[in-house]
Amino acid sequence: MSERLGNFLWGAIFLVAGSITLLYLDAIVRLDQNSGIRLKSWFQKKLGKSVLNRELWSVGTPSGFRSSRIAFQVSGVVFLVVRAVLVTVAASRYFH
């Protein structure tokens, strides 16, 4: 496989990943928050009041939902920007 074709392929993969992330943003954020709540309760049950059970990010709160939503929006946009860069590099090598 040539380098240009590889760049187009990776660009297509990043396009799909970014589009799916932005299209299903609310479902992904709900999944992230629900899994965070379950993980937090599991750690609480296993470790109790340990220093190792310190909360690194808020889950299950409106601020946690908002910050998770922002993080996934940023990651979706980053996927799309990387896609644009890869396709531009591949196209510039093709026409040059």
N, C-alpha and C. Protein backbone atom coordinates (compact mmCIF):
# COMPACT_ATOMS: atom_id res chain seq x y z
N MET A 1 0.85 -1.17 0.00
CA MET A 1 0.00 0.00 0.00
C MET A 1 0.90 1.23 0.00
N SER A 2 0.57 2.17 -0.84
CA SER A 2 1.39 3.38 -0.92
C SER A 2 1.08 4.29 0.27
N GLU A 3 1.96 5.24 0.47
CA GLU A 3 1.80 6.16 1.59
C GLU A 3 0.57 7.04 1.41
N ARG A 4 0.30 7.45 0.16
CA ARG A 4 -0.89 8.28 -0.09
C ARG A 4 -2.16 7.53 0.21
N LEU A 5 -2.22 6.28 -0.24
CA LEU A 5 -3.40 5.47 0.02
C LEU A 5 -3.57 5.22 1.52
N GLY A 6 -2.46 5.02 2.21
CA GLY A 6 -2.51 4.86 3.66
C GLY A 6 -3.04 6.10 4.35
N ASN A 7 -2.60 7.28 3.89
CA ASN A 7 -3.09 8.53 4.47
C ASN A 7 -4.59 8.71 4.20
N PHE A 8 -5.04 8.36 3.00
CA PHE A 8 -6.47 8.44 2.70
C PHE A 8 -7.26 7.46 3.58
N LEU A 9 -6.73 6.26 3.78
CA LEU A 9 -7.40 5.27 4.61
C LEU A 9 -7.50 5.74 6.05
N TRP A 10 -6.39 6.22 6.61
CA TRP A 10 -6.43 6.73 7.98
C TRP A 10 -7.33 7.95 8.09
N GLY A 11 -7.34 8.79 7.05
CA GLY A 11 -8.25 9.93 7.04
C GLY A 11 -9.70 9.48 7.08
N ALA A 12 -10.03 8.43 6.35
CA ALA A 12 -11.40 7.90 6.37
C ALA A 12 -11.75 7.33 7.74
N ILE A 13 -10.80 6.65 8.37
CA ILE A 13 -11.04 6.10 9.70
C ILE A 13 -11.27 7.22 10.72
N PHE A 14 -10.46 8.26 10.66
CA PHE A 14 -10.64 9.39 11.57
C PHE A 14 -11.94 10.13 11.29
N LEU A 15 -12.35 10.21 10.02
CA LEU A 15 -13.62 10.83 9.68
C LEU A 15 -14.78 10.06 10.30
N VAL A 16 -14.75 8.75 10.20
CA VAL A 16 -15.81 7.92 10.78
C VAL A 16 -15.82 8.06 12.30
N ALA A 17 -14.64 8.01 12.92
CA ALA A 17 -14.56 8.11 14.38
C ALA A 17 -15.06 9.46 14.87
N GLY A 18 -14.67 10.53 14.22
CA GLY A 18 -15.13 11.87 14.61
C GLY A 18 -16.61 12.06 14.39
N SER A 19 -17.12 11.54 13.28
CA SER A 19 -18.55 11.68 13.00
C SER A 19 -19.39 10.89 13.99
N ILE A 20 -18.98 9.67 14.28
CA ILE A 20 -19.73 8.86 15.25
C ILE A 20 -19.68 9.50 16.63
N THR A 21 -18.52 10.01 17.01
CA THR A 21 -18.40 10.66 18.32
C THR A 21 -19.33 11.86 18.43
N LEU A 22 -19.38 12.69 17.41
CA LEU A 22 -20.23 13.87 17.47
C LEU A 22 -21.70 13.54 17.27
N LEU A 23 -22.00 12.53 16.48
CA LEU A 23 -23.39 12.16 16.22
C LEU A 23 -24.04 11.54 17.45
N TYR A 24 -23.33 10.67 18.14
CA TYR A 24 -23.86 9.99 19.32
C TYR A 24 -23.27 10.53 20.61
N LEU A 25 -23.05 11.84 20.66
CA LEU A 25 -22.38 12.48 21.78
C LEU A 25 -23.12 12.25 23.09
N ASP A 26 -24.42 12.46 23.13
CA ASP A 26 -25.17 12.32 24.38
C ASP A 26 -25.14 10.88 24.88
N ALA A 27 -25.27 9.92 24.00
CA ALA A 27 -25.24 8.51 24.42
C ALA A 27 -23.86 8.14 24.96
N ILE A 28 -22.80 8.63 24.33
CA ILE A 28 -21.44 8.34 24.79
C ILE A 28 -21.19 8.97 26.16
N VAL A 29 -21.68 10.19 26.35
CA VAL A 29 -21.50 10.87 27.64
C VAL A 29 -22.28 10.15 28.74
N ARG A 30 -23.51 9.73 28.45
CA ARG A 30 -24.29 8.98 29.44
C ARG A 30 -23.58 7.67 29.80
N LEU A 31 -23.06 6.97 28.79
CA LEU A 31 -22.31 5.74 29.05
C LEU A 31 -21.09 6.02 29.91
N ASP A 32 -20.36 7.08 29.62
CA ASP A 32 -19.19 7.45 30.39
C ASP A 32 -19.56 7.75 31.84
N GLN A 33 -20.62 8.52 32.05
CA GLN A 33 -21.04 8.87 33.40
C GLN A 33 -21.56 7.65 34.16
N ASN A 34 -22.36 6.81 33.50
CA ASN A 34 -22.88 5.61 34.18
C ASN A 34 -21.76 4.64 34.54
N SER A 35 -20.81 4.44 33.63
CA SER A 35 -19.69 3.55 33.96
C SER A 35 -18.82 4.15 35.05
N GLY A 36 -18.69 5.46 35.07
CA GLY A 36 -17.93 6.12 36.14
C GLY A 36 -18.59 5.96 37.49
N ILE A 37 -19.92 6.02 37.53
CA ILE A 37 -20.65 5.83 38.78
C ILE A 37 -20.46 4.39 39.27
N ARG A 38 -20.58 3.43 38.37
CA ARG A 38 -20.40 2.02 38.75
C ARG A 38 -18.98 1.75 39.23
N LEU A 39 -17.99 2.31 38.54
CA LEU A 39 -16.60 2.13 38.95
C LEU A 39 -16.34 2.76 40.31
N LYS A 40 -16.91 3.94 40.53
CA LYS A 40 -16.74 4.62 41.81
C LYS A 40 -17.34 3.81 42.95
N SER A 41 -18.53 3.24 42.75
CA SER A 41 -19.15 2.45 43.81
C SER A 41 -18.39 1.14 44.03
N TRP A 42 -17.85 0.55 42.97
CA TRP A 42 -17.06 -0.68 43.12
C TRP A 42 -15.80 -0.41 43.93
N PHE A 43 -15.10 0.70 43.60
CA PHE A 43 -13.92 1.06 44.37
C PHE A 43 -14.27 1.36 45.82
N GLN A 44 -15.40 2.02 46.04
CA GLN A 44 -15.84 2.33 47.40
C GLN A 44 -16.09 1.04 48.18
N LYS A 45 -16.69 0.06 47.53
CA LYS A 45 -16.99 -1.21 48.19
C LYS A 45 -15.69 -1.99 48.47
N LYS A 46 -14.75 -1.98 47.52
CA LYS A 46 -13.51 -2.75 47.68
C LYS A 46 -12.48 -2.07 48.57
N LEU A 47 -12.33 -0.76 48.45
CA LEU A 47 -11.26 -0.05 49.16
C LEU A 47 -11.73 0.71 50.38
N GLY A 48 -13.01 1.03 50.47
CA GLY A 48 -13.52 1.78 51.61
C GLY A 48 -13.02 3.21 51.60
N LYS A 49 -12.64 3.71 52.77
CA LYS A 49 -12.18 5.10 52.91
C LYS A 49 -10.66 5.17 52.74
N SER A 50 -10.15 4.66 51.65
CA SER A 50 -8.72 4.63 51.40
C SER A 50 -8.29 5.87 50.60
N VAL A 51 -7.01 6.18 50.70
CA VAL A 51 -6.44 7.26 49.89
C VAL A 51 -6.50 6.90 48.41
N LEU A 52 -6.41 5.60 48.13
CA LEU A 52 -6.46 5.13 46.75
C LEU A 52 -7.84 5.33 46.12
N ASN A 53 -8.84 5.59 46.91
CA ASN A 53 -10.21 5.74 46.42
C ASN A 53 -10.57 7.20 46.22
N ARG A 54 -9.60 8.03 46.00
CA ARG A 54 -9.83 9.45 45.80
C ARG A 54 -10.46 9.69 44.43
N GLU A 55 -11.44 10.56 44.37
CA GLU A 55 -12.13 10.85 43.12
C GLU A 55 -11.28 11.78 42.26
N LEU A 56 -10.99 11.34 41.04
CA LEU A 56 -10.18 12.15 40.13
C LEU A 56 -11.03 13.08 39.28
N TRP A 57 -12.25 12.67 38.98
CA TRP A 57 -13.16 13.51 38.21
C TRP A 57 -14.56 13.29 38.74
N SER A 58 -15.40 14.27 38.60
CA SER A 58 -16.75 14.16 39.13
C SER A 58 -17.61 13.34 38.17
N VAL A 59 -18.38 12.43 38.73
CA VAL A 59 -19.31 11.63 37.95
C VAL A 59 -20.67 11.69 38.61
N GLY A 60 -21.70 11.65 37.78
CA GLY A 60 -23.05 11.64 38.29
C GLY A 60 -23.60 13.00 38.67
N THR A 61 -22.87 14.04 38.43
CA THR A 61 -23.32 15.39 38.74
C THR A 61 -23.48 16.17 37.43
N PRO A 62 -24.25 17.25 37.47
CA PRO A 62 -24.37 18.06 36.25
C PRO A 62 -23.04 18.62 35.75
N SER A 63 -22.14 18.99 36.67
CA SER A 63 -20.84 19.50 36.23
C SER A 63 -20.00 18.39 35.61
N GLY A 64 -20.11 17.18 36.14
CA GLY A 64 -19.40 16.04 35.55
C GLY A 64 -19.92 15.71 34.17
N PHE A 65 -21.24 15.78 34.00
CA PHE A 65 -21.85 15.54 32.68
C PHE A 65 -21.38 16.60 31.69
N ARG A 66 -21.35 17.85 32.13
CA ARG A 66 -20.95 18.95 31.25
C ARG A 66 -19.48 18.83 30.85
N SER A 67 -18.61 18.51 31.82
CA SER A 67 -17.18 18.39 31.50
C SER A 67 -16.92 17.18 30.61
N SER A 68 -17.65 16.09 30.83
CA SER A 68 -17.50 14.92 29.98
C SER A 68 -17.97 15.23 28.56
N ARG A 69 -19.05 15.96 28.45
CA ARG A 69 -19.57 16.35 27.13
C ARG A 69 -18.57 17.22 26.38
N ILE A 70 -17.97 18.15 27.08
CA ILE A 70 -16.97 19.03 26.46
C ILE A 70 -15.76 18.22 26.00
N ALA A 71 -15.31 17.29 26.83
CA ALA A 71 -14.15 16.47 26.47
C ALA A 71 -14.42 15.62 25.24
N PHE A 72 -15.62 15.04 25.14
CA PHE A 72 -15.94 14.23 23.97
C PHE A 72 -16.17 15.09 22.73
N GLN A 73 -16.68 16.30 22.89
CA GLN A 73 -16.80 17.21 21.75
C GLN A 73 -15.43 17.57 21.21
N VAL A 74 -14.51 17.87 22.11
CA VAL A 74 -13.14 18.21 21.70
C VAL A 74 -12.49 17.03 20.98
N SER A 75 -12.68 15.82 21.52
CA SER A 75 -12.07 14.66 20.86
C SER A 75 -12.67 14.42 19.48
N GLY A 76 -13.97 14.63 19.31
CA GLY A 76 -14.59 14.49 17.99
C GLY A 76 -14.05 15.49 17.00
N VAL A 77 -13.87 16.73 17.44
CA VAL A 77 -13.33 17.76 16.55
C VAL A 77 -11.87 17.47 16.22
N VAL A 78 -11.10 16.96 17.19
CA VAL A 78 -9.71 16.60 16.93
C VAL A 78 -9.63 15.49 15.89
N PHE A 79 -10.51 14.49 15.98
CA PHE A 79 -10.55 13.44 14.97
C PHE A 79 -10.78 14.04 13.58
N LEU A 80 -11.71 14.99 13.47
CA LEU A 80 -12.01 15.59 12.17
C LEU A 80 -10.85 16.44 11.66
N VAL A 81 -10.16 17.14 12.55
CA VAL A 81 -9.01 17.95 12.15
C VAL A 81 -7.86 17.06 11.67
N VAL A 82 -7.61 15.97 12.39
CA VAL A 82 -6.55 15.03 11.98
C VAL A 82 -6.90 14.45 10.61
N ARG A 83 -8.16 14.14 10.41
CA ARG A 83 -8.61 13.63 9.10
C ARG A 83 -8.31 14.65 8.02
N ALA A 84 -8.63 15.91 8.26
CA ALA A 84 -8.39 16.93 7.25
C ALA A 84 -6.90 17.06 6.94
N VAL A 85 -6.06 16.98 7.96
CA VAL A 85 -4.62 17.09 7.75
C VAL A 85 -4.11 15.91 6.93
N LEU A 86 -4.54 14.70 7.28
CA LEU A 86 -4.07 13.51 6.56
C LEU A 86 -4.50 13.53 5.09
N VAL A 87 -5.73 13.91 4.85
CA VAL A 87 -6.21 13.94 3.46
C VAL A 87 -5.52 15.06 2.69
N THR A 88 -5.25 16.18 3.33
CA THR A 88 -4.54 17.28 2.67
C THR A 88 -3.11 16.86 2.31
N VAL A 89 -2.44 16.18 3.23
CA VAL A 89 -1.08 15.71 2.96
C VAL A 89 -1.09 14.71 1.80
N ALA A 90 -2.04 13.80 1.83
CA ALA A 90 -2.11 12.80 0.76
C ALA A 90 -2.43 13.45 -0.58
N ALA A 91 -3.35 14.41 -0.59
CA ALA A 91 -3.71 15.07 -1.84
C ALA A 91 -2.58 15.95 -2.35
N SER A 92 -1.85 16.61 -1.45
CA SER A 92 -0.77 17.47 -1.91
C SER A 92 0.36 16.65 -2.53
N ARG A 93 0.60 15.47 -2.01
CA ARG A 93 1.61 14.60 -2.60
C ARG A 93 1.14 14.02 -3.92
N TYR A 94 -0.15 13.84 -4.05
CA TYR A 94 -0.72 13.30 -5.28
C TYR A 94 -0.61 14.32 -6.42
N PHE A 95 -0.91 15.57 -6.12
CA PHE A 95 -0.90 16.60 -7.17
C PHE A 95 0.46 17.24 -7.36
N HIS A 96 1.41 16.96 -6.52
CA HIS A 96 2.71 17.60 -6.61
C HIS A 96 3.67 16.82 -7.43
